[in-house]
PDB file of N, CA and C in Angstrom:
ATOM      1  N   MET A   1     -15.079 -10.103  -7.221  1.00  0.00           N
ATOM      2  CA  MET A   1     -14.631 -10.175  -8.594  1.00  0.00           C
ATOM      3  C   MET A   1     -13.113 -10.054  -8.639  1.00  0.00           C
ATOM      4  N   ALA A   2     -12.460 -10.727  -9.555  1.00  0.00           N
ATOM      5  CA  ALA A   2     -11.008 -10.825  -9.605  1.00  0.00           C
ATOM      6  C   ALA A   2     -10.319  -9.495  -9.874  1.00  0.00           C
ATOM      7  N   ASP A   3     -10.984  -8.559 -10.566  1.00  0.00           N
ATOM      8  CA  ASP A   3     -10.342  -7.295 -10.917  1.00  0.00           C
ATOM      9  C   ASP A   3     -10.562  -6.198  -9.874  1.00  0.00           C
ATOM     10  N   GLU A   4     -11.303  -6.483  -8.821  1.00  0.00           N
ATOM     11  CA  GLU A   4     -11.578  -5.485  -7.807  1.00  0.00           C
ATOM     12  C   GLU A   4     -10.442  -5.412  -6.799  1.00  0.00           C
ATOM     13  N   PHE A   5     -10.241  -4.204  -6.268  1.00  0.00           N
ATOM     14  CA  PHE A   5      -9.231  -4.031  -5.224  1.00  0.00           C
ATOM     15  C   PHE A   5      -9.674  -2.913  -4.299  1.00  0.00           C
ATOM     16  N   GLU A   6      -9.149  -2.963  -3.094  1.00  0.00           N
ATOM     17  CA  GLU A   6      -9.446  -1.929  -2.103  1.00  0.00           C
ATOM     18  C   GLU A   6      -8.384  -0.848  -2.196  1.00  0.00           C
ATOM     19  N   ILE A   7      -8.805   0.405  -2.073  1.00  0.00           N
ATOM     20  CA  ILE A   7      -7.874   1.530  -2.077  1.00  0.00           C
ATOM     21  C   ILE A   7      -7.706   2.011  -0.643  1.00  0.00           C
ATOM     22  N   VAL A   8      -6.446   2.084  -0.215  1.00  0.00           N
ATOM     23  CA  VAL A   8      -6.132   2.532   1.140  1.00  0.00           C
ATOM     24  C   VAL A   8      -5.311   3.808   1.039  1.00  0.00           C
ATOM     25  N   GLU A   9      -5.824   4.876   1.610  1.00  0.00           N
ATOM     26  CA  GLU A   9      -5.115   6.151   1.624  1.00  0.00           C
ATOM     27  C   GLU A   9      -4.394   6.288   2.959  1.00  0.00           C
ATOM     28  N   ILE A  10      -3.087   6.484   2.890  1.00  0.00           N
ATOM     29  CA  ILE A  10      -2.263   6.645   4.088  1.00  0.00           C
ATOM     30  C   ILE A  10      -1.835   8.105   4.183  1.00  0.00           C
ATOM     31  N   ASN A  11      -2.236   8.760   5.263  1.00  0.00           N
ATOM     32  CA  ASN A  11      -1.886  10.169   5.477  1.00  0.00           C
ATOM     33  C   ASN A  11      -0.832  10.348   6.566  1.00  0.00           C
ATOM     34  N   ALA A  12      -0.551   9.279   7.301  1.00  0.00           N
ATOM     35  CA  ALA A  12       0.459   9.306   8.365  1.00  0.00           C
ATOM     36  C   ALA A  12       0.962   7.882   8.578  1.00  0.00           C
ATOM     37  N   PHE A  13       2.190   7.750   9.008  1.00  0.00           N
ATOM     38  CA  PHE A  13       2.784   6.434   9.224  1.00  0.00           C
ATOM     39  C   PHE A  13       1.956   5.613  10.200  1.00  0.00           C
ATOM     40  N   GLU A  14       1.329   6.279  11.140  1.00  0.00           N
ATOM     41  CA  GLU A  14       0.539   5.608  12.168  1.00  0.00           C
ATOM     42  C   GLU A  14      -0.706   4.919  11.605  1.00  0.00           C
ATOM     43  N   GLU A  15      -1.046   5.167  10.366  1.00  0.00           N
ATOM     44  CA  GLU A  15      -2.241   4.587   9.750  1.00  0.00           C
ATOM     45  C   GLU A  15      -1.965   3.272   9.025  1.00  0.00           C
ATOM     46  N   LEU A  16      -0.802   2.684   9.209  1.00  0.00           N
ATOM     47  CA  LEU A  16      -0.448   1.462   8.485  1.00  0.00           C
ATOM     48  C   LEU A  16      -1.340   0.270   8.816  1.00  0.00           C
ATOM     49  N   SER A  17      -2.042   0.332   9.923  1.00  0.00           N
ATOM     50  CA  SER A  17      -2.955  -0.770  10.242  1.00  0.00           C
ATOM     51  C   SER A  17      -4.051  -0.891   9.176  1.00  0.00           C
ATOM     52  N   LYS A  18      -4.340   0.196   8.468  1.00  0.00           N
ATOM     53  CA  LYS A  18      -5.313   0.157   7.370  1.00  0.00           C
ATOM     54  C   LYS A  18      -4.875  -0.839   6.287  1.00  0.00           C
ATOM     55  N   VAL A  19      -3.568  -0.889   6.035  1.00  0.00           N
ATOM     56  CA  VAL A  19      -3.027  -1.794   5.012  1.00  0.00           C
ATOM     57  C   VAL A  19      -3.238  -3.237   5.437  1.00  0.00           C
ATOM     58  N   LYS A  20      -2.911  -3.534   6.678  1.00  0.00           N
ATOM     59  CA  LYS A  20      -3.084  -4.887   7.200  1.00  0.00           C
ATOM     60  C   LYS A  20      -4.550  -5.298   7.141  1.00  0.00           C
ATOM     61  N   ASP A  21      -5.428  -4.396   7.545  1.00  0.00           N
ATOM     62  CA  ASP A  21      -6.863  -4.684   7.521  1.00  0.00           C
ATOM     63  C   ASP A  21      -7.355  -4.934   6.104  1.00  0.00           C
ATOM     64  N   ALA A  22      -6.856  -4.176   5.143  1.00  0.00           N
ATOM     65  CA  ALA A  22      -7.278  -4.328   3.748  1.00  0.00           C
ATOM     66  C   ALA A  22      -6.882  -5.692   3.212  1.00  0.00           C
ATOM     67  N   PHE A  23      -5.710  -6.187   3.587  1.00  0.00           N
ATOM     68  CA  PHE A  23      -5.259  -7.489   3.106  1.00  0.00           C
ATOM     69  C   PHE A  23      -6.012  -8.649   3.741  1.00  0.00           C
ATOM     70  N   GLU A  24      -6.687  -8.406   4.844  1.00  0.00           N
ATOM     71  CA  GLU A  24      -7.489  -9.468   5.450  1.00  0.00           C
ATOM     72  C   GLU A  24      -8.722  -9.788   4.600  1.00  0.00           C
ATOM     73  N   ASN A  25      -9.164  -8.816   3.792  1.00  0.00           N
ATOM     74  CA  ASN A  25     -10.372  -8.981   2.992  1.00  0.00           C
ATOM     75  C   ASN A  25     -10.126  -9.041   1.484  1.00  0.00           C
ATOM     76  N   ASN A  26      -8.925  -8.724   1.019  1.00  0.00           N
ATOM     77  CA  ASN A  26      -8.662  -8.606  -0.408  1.00  0.00           C
ATOM     78  C   ASN A  26      -7.305  -9.190  -0.783  1.00  0.00           C
ATOM     79  N   ASP A  27      -7.224  -9.680  -2.023  1.00  0.00           N
ATOM     80  CA  ASP A  27      -5.942 -10.129  -2.565  1.00  0.00           C
ATOM     81  C   ASP A  27      -5.200  -8.992  -3.240  1.00  0.00           C
ATOM     82  N   LYS A  28      -5.948  -7.950  -3.632  1.00  0.00           N
ATOM     83  CA  LYS A  28      -5.362  -6.789  -4.301  1.00  0.00           C
ATOM     84  C   LYS A  28      -5.694  -5.550  -3.491  1.00  0.00           C
ATOM     85  N   VAL A  29      -4.657  -4.757  -3.223  1.00  0.00           N
ATOM     86  CA  VAL A  29      -4.845  -3.526  -2.459  1.00  0.00           C
ATOM     87  C   VAL A  29      -4.030  -2.423  -3.120  1.00  0.00           C
ATOM     88  N   ALA A  30      -4.656  -1.270  -3.341  1.00  0.00           N
ATOM     89  CA  ALA A  30      -3.951  -0.092  -3.836  1.00  0.00           C
ATOM     90  C   ALA A  30      -3.626   0.799  -2.645  1.00  0.00           C
ATOM     91  N   ILE A  31      -2.392   1.248  -2.572  1.00  0.00           N
ATOM     92  CA  ILE A  31      -1.928   2.108  -1.486  1.00  0.00           C
ATOM     93  C   ILE A  31      -1.669   3.494  -2.064  1.00  0.00           C
ATOM     94  N   ASP A  32      -2.279   4.509  -1.468  1.00  0.00           N
ATOM     95  CA  ASP A  32      -2.114   5.890  -1.913  1.00  0.00           C
ATOM     96  C   ASP A  32      -1.392   6.660  -0.810  1.00  0.00           C
ATOM     97  N   ILE A  33      -0.152   7.066  -1.086  1.00  0.00           N
ATOM     98  CA  ILE A  33       0.629   7.816  -0.097  1.00  0.00           C
ATOM     99  C   ILE A  33       0.932   9.233  -0.583  1.00  0.00           C
ATOM    100  N   ARG A  34       0.154   9.717  -1.530  1.00  0.00           N
ATOM    101  CA  ARG A  34       0.408  11.056  -2.087  1.00  0.00           C
ATOM    102  C   ARG A  34       0.292  12.163  -1.054  1.00  0.00           C
ATOM    103  N   ASN A  35      -0.483  11.971   0.013  1.00  0.00           N
ATOM    104  CA  ASN A  35      -0.632  13.007   1.037  1.00  0.00           C
ATOM    105  C   ASN A  35       0.459  12.972   2.090  1.00  0.00           C
ATOM    106  N   LEU A  36       1.330  11.993   2.041  1.00  0.00           N
ATOM    107  CA  LEU A  36       2.468  11.941   2.977  1.00  0.00           C
ATOM    108  C   LEU A  36       3.564  12.863   2.454  1.00  0.00           C
ATOM    109  N   GLN A  37       3.807  13.942   3.149  1.00  0.00           N
ATOM    110  CA  GLN A  37       4.800  14.915   2.696  1.00  0.00           C
ATOM    111  C   GLN A  37       6.213  14.586   3.171  1.00  0.00           C
ATOM    112  N   ASP A  38       6.324  13.931   4.299  1.00  0.00           N
ATOM    113  CA  ASP A  38       7.629  13.614   4.885  1.00  0.00           C
ATOM    114  C   ASP A  38       8.279  12.457   4.126  1.00  0.00           C
ATOM    115  N   THR A  39       9.441  12.703   3.556  1.00  0.00           N
ATOM    116  CA  THR A  39      10.153  11.705   2.751  1.00  0.00           C
ATOM    117  C   THR A  39      10.490  10.459   3.561  1.00  0.00           C
ATOM    118  N   ASN A  40      10.889  10.635   4.810  1.00  0.00           N
ATOM    119  CA  ASN A  40      11.223   9.482   5.651  1.00  0.00           C
ATOM    120  C   ASN A  40       9.993   8.624   5.932  1.00  0.00           C
ATOM    121  N   GLN A  41       8.845   9.248   6.168  1.00  0.00           N
ATOM    122  CA  GLN A  41       7.620   8.479   6.396  1.00  0.00           C
ATOM    123  C   GLN A  41       7.205   7.732   5.127  1.00  0.00           C
ATOM    124  N   ARG A  42       7.346   8.370   3.975  1.00  0.00           N
ATOM    125  CA  ARG A  42       7.021   7.704   2.701  1.00  0.00           C
ATOM    126  C   ARG A  42       7.892   6.459   2.530  1.00  0.00           C
ATOM    127  N   ARG A  43       9.168   6.609   2.826  1.00  0.00           N
ATOM    128  CA  ARG A  43      10.104   5.491   2.698  1.00  0.00           C
ATOM    129  C   ARG A  43       9.740   4.369   3.668  1.00  0.00           C
ATOM    130  N   ARG A  44       9.392   4.715   4.891  1.00  0.00           N
ATOM    131  CA  ARG A  44       9.014   3.701   5.884  1.00  0.00           C
ATOM    132  C   ARG A  44       7.747   2.968   5.474  1.00  0.00           C
ATOM    133  N   VAL A  45       6.761   3.706   4.946  1.00  0.00           N
ATOM    134  CA  VAL A  45       5.524   3.077   4.485  1.00  0.00           C
ATOM    135  C   VAL A  45       5.828   2.126   3.331  1.00  0.00           C
ATOM    136  N   LEU A  46       6.643   2.566   2.382  1.00  0.00           N
ATOM    137  CA  LEU A  46       6.987   1.701   1.252  1.00  0.00           C
ATOM    138  C   LEU A  46       7.765   0.471   1.704  1.00  0.00           C
ATOM    139  N   ASP A  47       8.641   0.619   2.684  1.00  0.00           N
ATOM    140  CA  ASP A  47       9.355  -0.534   3.236  1.00  0.00           C
ATOM    141  C   ASP A  47       8.373  -1.530   3.846  1.00  0.00           C
ATOM    142  N   PHE A  48       7.409  -1.030   4.589  1.00  0.00           N
ATOM    143  CA  PHE A  48       6.391  -1.879   5.218  1.00  0.00           C
ATOM    144  C   PHE A  48       5.573  -2.613   4.161  1.00  0.00           C
ATOM    145  N   VAL A  49       5.110  -1.877   3.165  1.00  0.00           N
ATOM    146  CA  VAL A  49       4.288  -2.454   2.102  1.00  0.00           C
ATOM    147  C   VAL A  49       5.090  -3.473   1.294  1.00  0.00           C
ATOM    148  N   THR A  50       6.343  -3.161   1.032  1.00  0.00           N
ATOM    149  CA  THR A  50       7.211  -4.107   0.315  1.00  0.00           C
ATOM    150  C   THR A  50       7.368  -5.394   1.115  1.00  0.00           C
ATOM    151  N   GLY A  51       7.512  -5.280   2.420  1.00  0.00           N
ATOM    152  CA  GLY A  51       7.616  -6.457   3.277  1.00  0.00           C
ATOM    153  C   GLY A  51       6.363  -7.310   3.225  1.00  0.00           C
ATOM    154  N   ILE A  52       5.200  -6.664   3.243  1.00  0.00           N
ATOM    155  CA  ILE A  52       3.941  -7.405   3.138  1.00  0.00           C
ATOM    156  C   ILE A  52       3.883  -8.137   1.801  1.00  0.00           C
ATOM    157  N   ALA A  53       4.209  -7.428   0.733  1.00  0.00           N
ATOM    158  CA  ALA A  53       4.147  -8.029  -0.605  1.00  0.00           C
ATOM    159  C   ALA A  53       5.099  -9.220  -0.707  1.00  0.00           C
ATOM    160  N   PHE A  54       6.309  -9.048  -0.232  1.00  0.00           N
ATOM    161  CA  PHE A  54       7.299 -10.128  -0.290  1.00  0.00           C
ATOM    162  C   PHE A  54       6.835 -11.328   0.531  1.00  0.00           C
ATOM    163  N   GLY A  55       6.345 -11.066   1.729  1.00  0.00           N
ATOM    164  CA  GLY A  55       5.895 -12.139   2.617  1.00  0.00           C
ATOM    165  C   GLY A  55       4.716 -12.926   2.074  1.00  0.00           C
ATOM    166  N   ARG A  56       3.899 -12.294   1.263  1.00  0.00           N
ATOM    167  CA  ARG A  56       2.733 -12.957   0.687  1.00  0.00           C
ATOM    168  C   ARG A  56       2.970 -13.430  -0.748  1.00  0.00           C
ATOM    169  N   GLY A  57       4.178 -13.196  -1.259  1.00  0.00           N
ATOM    170  CA  GLY A  57       4.480 -13.598  -2.634  1.00  0.00           C
ATOM    171  C   GLY A  57       3.741 -12.763  -3.670  1.00  0.00           C
ATOM    172  N   LEU A  58       3.515 -11.485  -3.351  1.00  0.00           N
ATOM    173  CA  LEU A  58       2.778 -10.588  -4.237  1.00  0.00           C
ATOM    174  C   LEU A  58       3.728  -9.640  -4.966  1.00  0.00           C
ATOM    175  N   LYS A  59       3.185  -8.948  -5.956  1.00  0.00           N
ATOM    176  CA  LYS A  59       3.959  -7.981  -6.732  1.00  0.00           C
ATOM    177  C   LYS A  59       3.438  -6.583  -6.466  1.00  0.00           C
ATOM    178  N   ILE A  60       4.337  -5.608  -6.620  1.00  0.00           N
ATOM    179  CA  ILE A  60       3.974  -4.200  -6.474  1.00  0.00           C
ATOM    180  C   ILE A  60       4.090  -3.538  -7.843  1.00  0.00           C
ATOM    181  N   ARG A  61       3.048  -2.809  -8.193  1.00  0.00           N
ATOM    182  CA  ARG A  61       3.044  -2.092  -9.471  1.00  0.00           C
ATOM    183  C   ARG A  61       2.732  -0.628  -9.204  1.00  0.00           C
ATOM    184  N   VAL A  62       3.461   0.266  -9.847  1.00  0.00           N
ATOM    185  CA  VAL A  62       3.229   1.699  -9.698  1.00  0.00           C
ATOM    186  C   VAL A  62       2.038   2.091 -10.571  1.00  0.00           C
ATOM    187  N   LEU A  63       1.002   2.648  -9.936  1.00  0.00           N
ATOM    188  CA  LEU A  63      -0.152   3.144 -10.677  1.00  0.00           C
ATOM    189  C   LEU A  63      -0.030   4.637 -10.958  1.00  0.00           C
ATOM    190  N   ASN A  64       0.657   5.344 -10.062  1.00  0.00           N
ATOM    191  CA  ASN A  64       0.887   6.769 -10.212  1.00  0.00           C
ATOM    192  C   ASN A  64       2.242   7.065  -9.600  1.00  0.00           C
ATOM    193  N   LYS A  65       3.127   7.678 -10.370  1.00  0.00           N
ATOM    194  CA  LYS A  65       4.498   7.914  -9.892  1.00  0.00           C
ATOM    195  C   LYS A  65       4.580   8.831  -8.673  1.00  0.00           C
ATOM    196  N   ASP A  66       3.483   9.529  -8.384  1.00  0.00           N
ATOM    197  CA  ASP A  66       3.477  10.422  -7.216  1.00  0.00           C
ATOM    198  C   ASP A  66       3.137   9.696  -5.921  1.00  0.00           C
ATOM    199  N   GLY A  67       2.814   8.385  -6.008  1.00  0.00           N
ATOM    200  CA  GLY A  67       2.619   7.656  -4.762  1.00  0.00           C
ATOM    201  C   GLY A  67       1.409   6.750  -4.684  1.00  0.00           C
ATOM    202  N   VAL A  68       1.028   6.099  -5.789  1.00  0.00           N
ATOM    203  CA  VAL A  68      -0.067   5.126  -5.737  1.00  0.00           C
ATOM    204  C   VAL A  68       0.471   3.806  -6.260  1.00  0.00           C
ATOM    205  N   TYR A  69       0.319   2.750  -5.446  1.00  0.00           N
ATOM    206  CA  TYR A  69       0.884   1.430  -5.767  1.00  0.00           C
ATOM    207  C   TYR A  69      -0.196   0.372  -5.644  1.00  0.00           C
ATOM    208  N   LEU A  70      -0.137  -0.606  -6.539  1.00  0.00           N
ATOM    209  CA  LEU A  70      -1.059  -1.741  -6.489  1.00  0.00           C
ATOM    210  C   LEU A  70      -0.262  -2.964  -6.061  1.00  0.00           C
ATOM    211  N   ILE A  71      -0.708  -3.607  -5.001  1.00  0.00           N
ATOM    212  CA  ILE A  71      -0.087  -4.837  -4.517  1.00  0.00           C
ATOM    213  C   ILE A  71      -1.043  -5.972  -4.849  1.00  0.00           C
ATOM    214  N   SER A  72      -0.573  -6.899  -5.666  1.00  0.00           N
ATOM    215  CA  SER A  72      -1.436  -8.015  -6.078  1.00  0.00           C
ATOM    216  C   SER A  72      -0.626  -9.261  -6.331  1.00  0.00           C
TER     217      SER A  72
END
């Protein structure tokens, strides 16, 4: 269904393969980084996700200001 999306929770930078896997099956993916406490890791994850969105011509929308983003 067009309004469905997969939610990917990232708890460590090393888990970014979850994002790639989610995009293999979905056009819309929500990324939850609220459990990432390290500011540098949060920034690196957002840089990675932004790169994916840009490369696929997608948009990023903030769902929760504490760290939940929808890429569609």
